[in-house]
Amino acid sequence: GRFTISRDSAKNTVYLQMNSLKPEDTAVYYCAARDGS
């Protein structure tokens, strides 16, 4: 309800939109990838 992930395939980019952020969201954020399904 607060975060939204989206993909722009043309730009090979994935986004993490973070709304209504809380202090407990403080962290190092990593993106990761795997092949497979």
Full PDB file with SEQRES, HELIX, SHEET, SSBOND, CRYST1, ORIGX, SCALE, CONECT and MASTER records, all heavy atoms in Angstrom:
SEQRES   1 A   37  GLY ARG PHE THR ILE SER ARG ASP SER ALA LYS ASN THR          
SEQRES   2 A   37  VAL TYR LEU GLN MET ASN SER LEU LYS PRO GLU ASP THR          
SEQRES   3 A   37  ALA VAL TYR TYR CYS ALA ALA ARG ASP GLY SER                  
HELIX    1 AA1 SER A    9  LYS A   11  5                                   3    
HELIX    2 AA2 PRO A   23  ASP A   25  5                                   3    
SHEET    1 AA1 2 PHE A   3  ASP A   8  0                                        
SHEET    2 AA1 2 THR A  13  MET A  18 -1                                        
CRYST1    1.000    1.000    1.000  90.00  90.00  90.00 P 1           1          
ORIGX1      1.000000  0.000000  0.000000        0.00000                         
ORIGX2      0.000000  1.000000  0.000000        0.00000                         
ORIGX3      0.000000  0.000000  1.000000        0.00000                         
SCALE1      1.000000  0.000000  0.000000        0.00000                         
SCALE2      0.000000  1.000000  0.000000        0.00000                         
SCALE3      0.000000  0.000000  1.000000        0.00000                         
ATOM      1  N   GLY A   1       0.789  -1.216   0.000  1.00  0.00           N  
ATOM      2  CA  GLY A   1       0.000   0.000   0.000  1.00  0.00           C  
ATOM      3  C   GLY A   1       0.820   1.263   0.000  1.00  0.00           C  
ATOM      4  O   GLY A   1       0.267   2.353  -0.223  1.00  0.00           O  
ATOM      5  N   ARG A   2       2.124   1.165   0.252  1.00  0.00           N  
ATOM      6  CA  ARG A   2       2.988   2.339   0.284  1.00  0.00           C  
ATOM      7  C   ARG A   2       4.032   2.328  -0.825  1.00  0.00           C  
ATOM      8  O   ARG A   2       4.381   3.381  -1.356  1.00  0.00           O  
ATOM      9  CB  ARG A   2       3.701   2.441   1.637  1.00  0.00           C  
ATOM     10  CG  ARG A   2       2.758   2.585   2.818  1.00  0.00           C  
ATOM     11  CD  ARG A   2       3.517   2.909   4.094  1.00  0.00           C  
ATOM     12  NE  ARG A   2       4.428   1.827   4.476  1.00  0.00           N  
ATOM     13  CZ  ARG A   2       5.751   1.969   4.604  1.00  0.00           C  
ATOM     14  NH1 ARG A   2       6.319   3.148   4.388  1.00  0.00           N  
ATOM     15  NH2 ARG A   2       6.497   0.928   4.965  1.00  0.00           N  
ATOM     16  N   PHE A   3       4.538   1.154  -1.158  1.00  0.00           N  
ATOM     17  CA  PHE A   3       5.587   1.030  -2.166  1.00  0.00           C  
ATOM     18  C   PHE A   3       5.008   0.425  -3.440  1.00  0.00           C  
ATOM     19  O   PHE A   3       4.115  -0.428  -3.391  1.00  0.00           O  
ATOM     20  CB  PHE A   3       6.721   0.126  -1.678  1.00  0.00           C  
ATOM     21  CG  PHE A   3       7.558   0.697  -0.565  1.00  0.00           C  
ATOM     22  CD1 PHE A   3       7.197   1.860   0.101  1.00  0.00           C  
ATOM     23  CD2 PHE A   3       8.726   0.050  -0.189  1.00  0.00           C  
ATOM     24  CE1 PHE A   3       7.970   2.371   1.126  1.00  0.00           C  
ATOM     25  CE2 PHE A   3       9.510   0.550   0.831  1.00  0.00           C  
ATOM     26  CZ  PHE A   3       9.137   1.714   1.492  1.00  0.00           C  
ATOM     27  N   THR A   4       5.544   0.849  -4.577  1.00  0.00           N  
ATOM     28  CA  THR A   4       5.118   0.337  -5.864  1.00  0.00           C  
ATOM     29  C   THR A   4       6.330   0.054  -6.734  1.00  0.00           C  
ATOM     30  O   THR A   4       7.209   0.908  -6.876  1.00  0.00           O  
ATOM     31  CB  THR A   4       4.189   1.328  -6.591  1.00  0.00           C  
ATOM     32  OG1 THR A   4       3.055   1.629  -5.774  1.00  0.00           O  
ATOM     33  CG2 THR A   4       3.707   0.730  -7.910  1.00  0.00           C  
ATOM     34  N   ILE A   5       6.373  -1.126  -7.312  1.00  0.00           N  
ATOM     35  CA  ILE A   5       7.442  -1.508  -8.226  1.00  0.00           C  
ATOM     36  C   ILE A   5       6.898  -1.497  -9.644  1.00  0.00           C  
ATOM     37  O   ILE A   5       5.801  -1.993  -9.905  1.00  0.00           O  
ATOM     38  CB  ILE A   5       7.998  -2.894  -7.880  1.00  0.00           C  
ATOM     39  CG1 ILE A   5       8.637  -2.878  -6.488  1.00  0.00           C  
ATOM     40  CG2 ILE A   5       9.012  -3.357  -8.924  1.00  0.00           C  
ATOM     41  CD1 ILE A   5       9.032  -4.245  -5.978  1.00  0.00           C  
ATOM     42  N   SER A   6       7.670  -0.939 -10.557  1.00  0.00           N  
ATOM     43  CA  SER A   6       7.288  -0.918 -11.959  1.00  0.00           C  
ATOM     44  C   SER A   6       8.513  -1.153 -12.826  1.00  0.00           C  
ATOM     45  O   SER A   6       9.653  -1.024 -12.369  1.00  0.00           O  
ATOM     46  CB  SER A   6       6.615   0.405 -12.328  1.00  0.00           C  
ATOM     47  OG  SER A   6       7.482   1.501 -12.109  1.00  0.00           O  
ATOM     48  N   ARG A   7       8.264  -1.505 -14.073  1.00  0.00           N  
ATOM     49  CA  ARG A   7       9.344  -1.801 -15.006  1.00  0.00           C  
ATOM     50  C   ARG A   7       9.137  -1.015 -16.293  1.00  0.00           C  
ATOM     51  O   ARG A   7       8.033  -0.980 -16.838  1.00  0.00           O  
ATOM     52  CB  ARG A   7       9.380  -3.302 -15.310  1.00  0.00           C  
ATOM     53  CG  ARG A   7      10.542  -3.737 -16.207  1.00  0.00           C  
ATOM     54  CD  ARG A   7      10.309  -5.127 -16.820  1.00  0.00           C  
ATOM     55  NE  ARG A   7      10.171  -6.179 -15.829  1.00  0.00           N  
ATOM     56  CZ  ARG A   7      11.183  -6.897 -15.341  1.00  0.00           C  
ATOM     57  NH1 ARG A   7      12.431  -6.655 -15.756  1.00  0.00           N  
ATOM     58  NH2 ARG A   7      10.954  -7.854 -14.458  1.00  0.00           N  
ATOM     59  N   ASP A   8      10.202  -0.409 -16.766  1.00  0.00           N  
ATOM     60  CA  ASP A   8      10.224   0.229 -18.072  1.00  0.00           C  
ATOM     61  C   ASP A   8      11.178  -0.591 -18.929  1.00  0.00           C  
ATOM     62  O   ASP A   8      12.393  -0.397 -18.894  1.00  0.00           O  
ATOM     63  CB  ASP A   8      10.676   1.680 -17.974  1.00  0.00           C  
ATOM     64  CG  ASP A   8      10.549   2.425 -19.295  1.00  0.00           C  
ATOM     65  OD1 ASP A   8      10.554   1.783 -20.363  1.00  0.00           O  
ATOM     66  OD2 ASP A   8      10.451   3.671 -19.261  1.00  0.00           O  
ATOM     67  N   SER A   9      10.627  -1.515 -19.695  1.00  0.00           N  
ATOM     68  CA  SER A   9      11.453  -2.444 -20.450  1.00  0.00           C  
ATOM     69  C   SER A   9      12.323  -1.743 -21.485  1.00  0.00           C  
ATOM     70  O   SER A   9      13.453  -2.156 -21.740  1.00  0.00           O  
ATOM     71  CB  SER A   9      10.564  -3.495 -21.132  1.00  0.00           C  
ATOM     72  OG  SER A   9       9.892  -4.290 -20.177  1.00  0.00           O  
ATOM     73  N   ALA A  10      11.797  -0.685 -22.097  1.00  0.00           N  
ATOM     74  CA  ALA A  10      12.550   0.035 -23.113  1.00  0.00           C  
ATOM     75  C   ALA A  10      13.822   0.648 -22.542  1.00  0.00           C  
ATOM     76  O   ALA A  10      14.814   0.821 -23.254  1.00  0.00           O  
ATOM     77  CB  ALA A  10      11.685   1.114 -23.757  1.00  0.00           C  
ATOM     78  N   LYS A  11      13.803   0.990 -21.270  1.00  0.00           N  
ATOM     79  CA  LYS A  11      14.956   1.590 -20.615  1.00  0.00           C  
ATOM     80  C   LYS A  11      15.734   0.600 -19.756  1.00  0.00           C  
ATOM     81  O   LYS A  11      16.713   0.986 -19.111  1.00  0.00           O  
ATOM     82  CB  LYS A  11      14.516   2.767 -19.752  1.00  0.00           C  
ATOM     83  CG  LYS A  11      13.893   3.911 -20.530  1.00  0.00           C  
ATOM     84  CD  LYS A  11      13.505   5.051 -19.602  1.00  0.00           C  
ATOM     85  CE  LYS A  11      12.911   6.212 -20.371  1.00  0.00           C  
ATOM     86  NZ  LYS A  11      12.520   7.328 -19.482  1.00  0.00           N  
ATOM     87  N   ASN A  12      15.305  -0.656 -19.755  1.00  0.00           N  
ATOM     88  CA  ASN A  12      15.936  -1.674 -18.918  1.00  0.00           C  
ATOM     89  C   ASN A  12      16.036  -1.211 -17.466  1.00  0.00           C  
ATOM     90  O   ASN A  12      17.059  -1.404 -16.804  1.00  0.00           O  
ATOM     91  CB  ASN A  12      17.324  -2.043 -19.446  1.00  0.00           C  
ATOM     92  CG  ASN A  12      17.284  -2.658 -20.828  1.00  0.00           C  
ATOM     93  OD1 ASN A  12      17.874  -2.147 -21.774  1.00  0.00           O  
ATOM     94  ND2 ASN A  12      16.579  -3.784 -20.945  1.00  0.00           N  
ATOM     95  N   THR A  13      14.971  -0.625 -16.992  1.00  0.00           N  
ATOM     96  CA  THR A  13      14.973  -0.012 -15.681  1.00  0.00           C  
ATOM     97  C   THR A  13      13.777  -0.474 -14.868  1.00  0.00           C  
ATOM     98  O   THR A  13      12.663  -0.576 -15.394  1.00  0.00           O  
ATOM     99  CB  THR A  13      14.969   1.523 -15.791  1.00  0.00           C  
ATOM    100  OG1 THR A  13      16.139   1.947 -16.496  1.00  0.00           O  
ATOM    101  CG2 THR A  13      14.952   2.172 -14.416  1.00  0.00           C  
ATOM    102  N   VAL A  14      14.025  -0.742 -13.608  1.00  0.00           N  
ATOM    103  CA  VAL A  14      12.987  -1.057 -12.650  1.00  0.00           C  
ATOM    104  C   VAL A  14      12.978   0.025 -11.585  1.00  0.00           C  
ATOM    105  O   VAL A  14      14.040   0.484 -11.142  1.00  0.00           O  
ATOM    106  CB  VAL A  14      13.202  -2.448 -12.026  1.00  0.00           C  
ATOM    107  CG1 VAL A  14      12.217  -2.696 -10.894  1.00  0.00           C  
ATOM    108  CG2 VAL A  14      13.055  -3.528 -13.086  1.00  0.00           C  
ATOM    109  N   TYR A  15      11.795   0.425 -11.174  1.00  0.00           N  
ATOM    110  CA  TYR A  15      11.642   1.501 -10.211  1.00  0.00           C  
ATOM    111  C   TYR A  15      11.015   0.990  -8.921  1.00  0.00           C  
ATOM    112  O   TYR A  15      10.190   0.071  -8.930  1.00  0.00           O  
ATOM    113  CB  TYR A  15      10.753   2.614 -10.768  1.00  0.00           C  
ATOM    114  CG  TYR A  15      11.259   3.213 -12.055  1.00  0.00           C  
ATOM    115  CD1 TYR A  15      10.768   2.780 -13.279  1.00  0.00           C  
ATOM    116  CD2 TYR A  15      12.224   4.217 -12.040  1.00  0.00           C  
ATOM    117  CE1 TYR A  15      11.225   3.329 -14.462  1.00  0.00           C  
ATOM    118  CE2 TYR A  15      12.688   4.766 -13.223  1.00  0.00           C  
ATOM    119  CZ  TYR A  15      12.187   4.329 -14.429  1.00  0.00           C  
ATOM    120  OH  TYR A  15      12.641   4.873 -15.598  1.00  0.00           O  
ATOM    121  N   LEU A  16      11.406   1.602  -7.839  1.00  0.00           N  
ATOM    122  CA  LEU A  16      10.756   1.399  -6.559  1.00  0.00           C  
ATOM    123  C   LEU A  16      10.266   2.751  -6.081  1.00  0.00           C  
ATOM    124  O   LEU A  16      11.063   3.580  -5.632  1.00  0.00           O  
ATOM    125  CB  LEU A  16      11.708   0.773  -5.537  1.00  0.00           C  
ATOM    126  CG  LEU A  16      11.143   0.570  -4.130  1.00  0.00           C  
ATOM    127  CD1 LEU A  16       9.990  -0.433  -4.147  1.00  0.00           C  
ATOM    128  CD2 LEU A  16      12.226   0.106  -3.164  1.00  0.00           C  
ATOM    129  N   GLN A  17       8.972   2.977  -6.209  1.00  0.00           N  
ATOM    130  CA  GLN A  17       8.360   4.199  -5.728  1.00  0.00           C  
ATOM    131  C   GLN A  17       7.955   3.999  -4.277  1.00  0.00           C  
ATOM    132  O   GLN A  17       7.165   3.105  -3.974  1.00  0.00           O  
ATOM    133  CB  GLN A  17       7.142   4.560  -6.574  1.00  0.00           C  
ATOM    134  CG  GLN A  17       6.398   5.803  -6.114  1.00  0.00           C  
ATOM    135  CD  GLN A  17       7.198   7.063  -6.306  1.00  0.00           C  
ATOM    136  OE1 GLN A  17       7.775   7.286  -7.375  1.00  0.00           O  
ATOM    137  NE2 GLN A  17       7.271   7.895  -5.274  1.00  0.00           N  
ATOM    138  N   MET A  18       8.479   4.820  -3.401  1.00  0.00           N  
ATOM    139  CA  MET A  18       8.231   4.698  -1.977  1.00  0.00           C  
ATOM    140  C   MET A  18       7.477   5.928  -1.500  1.00  0.00           C  
ATOM    141  O   MET A  18       7.986   7.047  -1.591  1.00  0.00           O  
ATOM    142  CB  MET A  18       9.544   4.533  -1.205  1.00  0.00           C  
ATOM    143  CG  MET A  18      10.381   3.349  -1.673  1.00  0.00           C  
ATOM    144  SD  MET A  18      11.900   3.129  -0.701  1.00  0.00           S  
ATOM    145  CE  MET A  18      12.804   4.593  -1.217  1.00  0.00           C  
ATOM    146  N   ASN A  19       6.281   5.714  -1.011  1.00  0.00           N  
ATOM    147  CA  ASN A  19       5.443   6.787  -0.491  1.00  0.00           C  
ATOM    148  C   ASN A  19       5.183   6.567   0.989  1.00  0.00           C  
ATOM    149  O   ASN A  19       5.354   5.470   1.512  1.00  0.00           O  
ATOM    150  CB  ASN A  19       4.116   6.850  -1.247  1.00  0.00           C  
ATOM    151  CG  ASN A  19       4.281   7.147  -2.715  1.00  0.00           C  
ATOM    152  OD1 ASN A  19       5.172   7.883  -3.124  1.00  0.00           O  
ATOM    153  ND2 ASN A  19       3.389   6.580  -3.534  1.00  0.00           N  
ATOM    154  N   SER A  20       4.740   7.615   1.651  1.00  0.00           N  
ATOM    155  CA  SER A  20       4.407   7.546   3.076  1.00  0.00           C  
ATOM    156  C   SER A  20       5.532   6.905   3.870  1.00  0.00           C  
ATOM    157  O   SER A  20       5.322   6.014   4.693  1.00  0.00           O  
ATOM    158  CB  SER A  20       3.094   6.785   3.281  1.00  0.00           C  
ATOM    159  OG  SER A  20       2.029   7.397   2.584  1.00  0.00           O  
ATOM    160  N   LEU A  21       6.729   7.363   3.632  1.00  0.00           N  
ATOM    161  CA  LEU A  21       7.899   6.754   4.250  1.00  0.00           C  
ATOM    162  C   LEU A  21       7.899   6.941   5.760  1.00  0.00           C  
ATOM    163  O   LEU A  21       7.470   7.976   6.278  1.00  0.00           O  
ATOM    164  CB  LEU A  21       9.170   7.335   3.652  1.00  0.00           C  
ATOM    165  CG  LEU A  21       9.529   6.777   2.270  1.00  0.00           C  
ATOM    166  CD1 LEU A  21      10.519   7.687   1.561  1.00  0.00           C  
ATOM    167  CD2 LEU A  21      10.100   5.367   2.402  1.00  0.00           C  
ATOM    168  N   LYS A  22       8.389   5.920   6.439  1.00  0.00           N  
ATOM    169  CA  LYS A  22       8.481   5.895   7.887  1.00  0.00           C  
ATOM    170  C   LYS A  22       9.939   5.768   8.300  1.00  0.00           C  
ATOM    171  O   LYS A  22      10.753   5.239   7.543  1.00  0.00           O  
ATOM    172  CB  LYS A  22       7.694   4.710   8.457  1.00  0.00           C  
ATOM    173  CG  LYS A  22       6.243   4.632   8.017  1.00  0.00           C  
ATOM    174  CD  LYS A  22       5.607   3.342   8.509  1.00  0.00           C  
ATOM    175  CE  LYS A  22       4.169   3.226   8.063  1.00  0.00           C  
ATOM    176  NZ  LYS A  22       3.557   1.953   8.523  1.00  0.00           N  
ATOM    177  N   PRO A  23      10.283   6.221   9.502  1.00  0.00           N  
ATOM    178  CA  PRO A  23      11.668   6.049   9.959  1.00  0.00           C  
ATOM    179  C   PRO A  23      12.134   4.600   9.917  1.00  0.00           C  
ATOM    180  O   PRO A  23      13.320   4.350   9.649  1.00  0.00           O  
ATOM    181  CB  PRO A  23      11.622   6.580  11.394  1.00  0.00           C  
ATOM    182  CG  PRO A  23      10.544   7.605  11.365  1.00  0.00           C  
ATOM    183  CD  PRO A  23       9.501   7.037  10.439  1.00  0.00           C  
ATOM    184  N   GLU A  24      11.247   3.658  10.151  1.00  0.00           N  
ATOM    185  CA  GLU A  24      11.628   2.262  10.115  1.00  0.00           C  
ATOM    186  C   GLU A  24      11.939   1.751   8.708  1.00  0.00           C  
ATOM    187  O   GLU A  24      12.408   0.617   8.550  1.00  0.00           O  
ATOM    188  CB  GLU A  24      10.563   1.371  10.765  1.00  0.00           C  
ATOM    189  CG  GLU A  24       9.155   1.647  10.281  1.00  0.00           C  
ATOM    190  CD  GLU A  24       8.384   2.573  11.207  1.00  0.00           C  
ATOM    191  OE1 GLU A  24       8.943   3.616  11.611  1.00  0.00           O  
ATOM    192  OE2 GLU A  24       7.221   2.250  11.533  1.00  0.00           O  
ATOM    193  N   ASP A  25      11.682   2.557   7.691  1.00  0.00           N  
ATOM    194  CA  ASP A  25      12.089   2.215   6.336  1.00  0.00           C  
ATOM    195  C   ASP A  25      13.560   2.510   6.080  1.00  0.00           C  
ATOM    196  O   ASP A  25      14.081   2.157   5.023  1.00  0.00           O  
ATOM    197  CB  ASP A  25      11.245   2.970   5.306  1.00  0.00           C  
ATOM    198  CG  ASP A  25       9.782   2.559   5.323  1.00  0.00           C  
ATOM    199  OD1 ASP A  25       9.499   1.352   5.442  1.00  0.00           O  
ATOM    200  OD2 ASP A  25       8.921   3.454   5.203  1.00  0.00           O  
ATOM    201  N   THR A  26      14.216   3.164   7.010  1.00  0.00           N  
ATOM    202  CA  THR A  26      15.629   3.499   6.852  1.00  0.00           C  
ATOM    203  C   THR A  26      16.459   2.232   6.699  1.00  0.00           C  
ATOM    204  O   THR A  26      16.404   1.330   7.537  1.00  0.00           O  
ATOM    205  CB  THR A  26      16.118   4.312   8.052  1.00  0.00           C  
ATOM    206  OG1 THR A  26      15.436   5.570   8.089  1.00  0.00           O  
ATOM    207  CG2 THR A  26      17.611   4.566   7.956  1.00  0.00           C  
ATOM    208  N   ALA A  27      17.228   2.165   5.627  1.00  0.00           N  
ATOM    209  CA  ALA A  27      18.034   0.989   5.334  1.00  0.00           C  
ATOM    210  C   ALA A  27      18.846   1.256   4.079  1.00  0.00           C  
ATOM    211  O   ALA A  27      18.634   2.250   3.381  1.00  0.00           O  
ATOM    212  CB  ALA A  27      17.153  -0.246   5.131  1.00  0.00           C  
ATOM    213  N   VAL A  28      19.763   0.354   3.800  1.00  0.00           N  
ATOM    214  CA  VAL A  28      20.390   0.308   2.492  1.00  0.00           C  
ATOM    215  C   VAL A  28      19.501  -0.540   1.595  1.00  0.00           C  
ATOM    216  O   VAL A  28      19.169  -1.676   1.939  1.00  0.00           O  
ATOM    217  CB  VAL A  28      21.808  -0.277   2.551  1.00  0.00           C  
ATOM    218  CG1 VAL A  28      22.398  -0.377   1.145  1.00  0.00           C  
ATOM    219  CG2 VAL A  28      22.696   0.584   3.431  1.00  0.00           C  
ATOM    220  N   TYR A  29      19.125   0.006   0.479  1.00  0.00           N  
ATOM    221  CA  TYR A  29      18.253  -0.681  -0.457  1.00  0.00           C  
ATOM    222  C   TYR A  29      19.055  -1.223  -1.628  1.00  0.00           C  
ATOM    223  O   TYR A  29      19.898  -0.524  -2.198  1.00  0.00           O  
ATOM    224  CB  TYR A  29      17.159   0.259  -0.966  1.00  0.00           C  
ATOM    225  CG  TYR A  29      16.056   0.473   0.035  1.00  0.00           C  
ATOM    226  CD1 TYR A  29      16.279   1.216   1.189  1.00  0.00           C  
ATOM    227  CD2 TYR A  29      14.787  -0.077  -0.165  1.00  0.00           C  
ATOM    228  CE1 TYR A  29      15.271   1.398   2.123  1.00  0.00           C  
ATOM    229  CE2 TYR A  29      13.778   0.111   0.759  1.00  0.00           C  
ATOM    230  CZ  TYR A  29      14.020   0.848   1.901  1.00  0.00           C  
ATOM    231  OH  TYR A  29      13.012   1.033   2.823  1.00  0.00           O  
ATOM    232  N   TYR A  30      18.784  -2.464  -1.983  1.00  0.00           N  
ATOM    233  CA  TYR A  30      19.474  -3.137  -3.068  1.00  0.00           C  
ATOM    234  C   TYR A  30      18.480  -3.615  -4.111  1.00  0.00           C  
ATOM    235  O   TYR A  30      17.407  -4.118  -3.768  1.00  0.00           O  
ATOM    236  CB  TYR A  30      20.234  -4.371  -2.560  1.00  0.00           C  
ATOM    237  CG  TYR A  30      21.287  -4.099  -1.516  1.00  0.00           C  
ATOM    238  CD1 TYR A  30      20.959  -4.080  -0.170  1.00  0.00           C  
ATOM    239  CD2 TYR A  30      22.610  -3.902  -1.889  1.00  0.00           C  
ATOM    240  CE1 TYR A  30      21.923  -3.857   0.798  1.00  0.00           C  
ATOM    241  CE2 TYR A  30      23.577  -3.681  -0.933  1.00  0.00           C  
ATOM    242  CZ  TYR A  30      23.233  -3.657   0.411  1.00  0.00           C  
ATOM    243  OH  TYR A  30      24.208  -3.440   1.355  1.00  0.00           O  
ATOM    244  N   CYS A  31      18.834  -3.490  -5.368  1.00  0.00           N  
ATOM    245  CA  CYS A  31      18.094  -4.208  -6.385  1.00  0.00           C  
ATOM    246  C   CYS A  31      18.871  -5.459  -6.752  1.00  0.00           C  
ATOM    247  O   CYS A  31      20.094  -5.512  -6.641  1.00  0.00           O  
ATOM    248  CB  CYS A  31      17.815  -3.344  -7.622  1.00  0.00           C  
ATOM    249  SG  CYS A  31      19.251  -2.856  -8.583  1.00  0.00           S  
ATOM    250  N   ALA A  32      18.152  -6.472  -7.159  1.00  0.00           N  
ATOM    251  CA  ALA A  32      18.744  -7.753  -7.473  1.00  0.00           C  
ATOM    252  C   ALA A  32      18.018  -8.367  -8.653  1.00  0.00           C  
ATOM    253  O   ALA A  32      16.860  -8.052  -8.919  1.00  0.00           O  
ATOM    254  CB  ALA A  32      18.684  -8.689  -6.262  1.00  0.00           C  
ATOM    255  N   ALA A  33      18.706  -9.249  -9.351  1.00  0.00           N  
ATOM    256  CA  ALA A  33      18.140  -9.876 -10.533  1.00  0.00           C  
ATOM    257  C   ALA A  33      18.465 -11.352 -10.558  1.00  0.00           C  
ATOM    258  O   ALA A  33      19.512 -11.782 -10.064  1.00  0.00           O  
ATOM    259  CB  ALA A  33      18.660  -9.203 -11.803  1.00  0.00           C  
ATOM    260  N   ARG A  34      17.571 -12.108 -11.134  1.00  0.00           N  
ATOM    261  CA  ARG A  34      17.808 -13.503 -11.404  1.00  0.00           C  
ATOM    262  C   ARG A  34      17.139 -13.872 -12.699  1.00  0.00           C  
ATOM    263  O   ARG A  34      16.118 -13.272 -13.066  1.00  0.00           O  
ATOM    264  CB  ARG A  34      17.302 -14.398 -10.261  1.00  0.00           C  
ATOM    265  CG  ARG A  34      15.792 -14.447 -10.113  1.00  0.00           C  
ATOM    266  CD  ARG A  34      15.353 -15.343  -8.947  1.00  0.00           C  
ATOM    267  NE  ARG A  34      15.909 -16.689  -9.021  1.00  0.00           N  
ATOM    268  CZ  ARG A  34      15.388 -17.693  -9.703  1.00  0.00           C  
ATOM    269  NH1 ARG A  34      14.252 -17.533 -10.392  1.00  0.00           N  
ATOM    270  NH2 ARG A  34      15.987 -18.885  -9.709  1.00  0.00           N  
ATOM    271  N   ASP A  35      17.696 -14.821 -13.401  1.00  0.00           N  
ATOM    272  CA  ASP A  35      16.983 -15.365 -14.542  1.00  0.00           C  
ATOM    273  C   ASP A  35      16.062 -16.466 -14.049  1.00  0.00           C  
ATOM    274  O   ASP A  35      15.902 -16.664 -12.847  1.00  0.00           O  
ATOM    275  CB  ASP A  35      17.937 -15.837 -15.641  1.00  0.00           C  
ATOM    276  CG  ASP A  35      19.001 -16.789 -15.150  1.00  0.00           C  
ATOM    277  OD1 ASP A  35      18.805 -17.438 -14.101  1.00  0.00           O  
ATOM    278  OD2 ASP A  35      20.047 -16.887 -15.805  1.00  0.00           O  
ATOM    279  N   GLY A  36      15.439 -17.159 -14.958  1.00  0.00           N  
ATOM    280  CA  GLY A  36      14.434 -18.116 -14.548  1.00  0.00           C  
ATOM    281  C   GLY A  36      13.065 -17.474 -14.558  1.00  0.00           C  
ATOM    282  O   GLY A  36      12.859 -16.397 -15.127  1.00  0.00           O  
ATOM    283  N   SER A  37      12.133 -18.118 -13.910  1.00  0.00           N  
ATOM    284  CA  SER A  37      10.741 -17.699 -14.023  1.00  0.00           C  
ATOM    285  C   SER A  37      10.026 -17.507 -12.699  1.00  0.00           C  
ATOM    286  O   SER A  37       8.840 -17.178 -12.692  1.00  0.00           O  
ATOM    287  CB  SER A  37       9.958 -18.713 -14.862  1.00  0.00           C  
ATOM    288  OG  SER A  37       9.978 -19.998 -14.265  1.00  0.00           O  
TER     289      SER A  37                                                      
MASTER        0    0    0    2    2    0    0    6  288    1    0    3          
END                                                                             
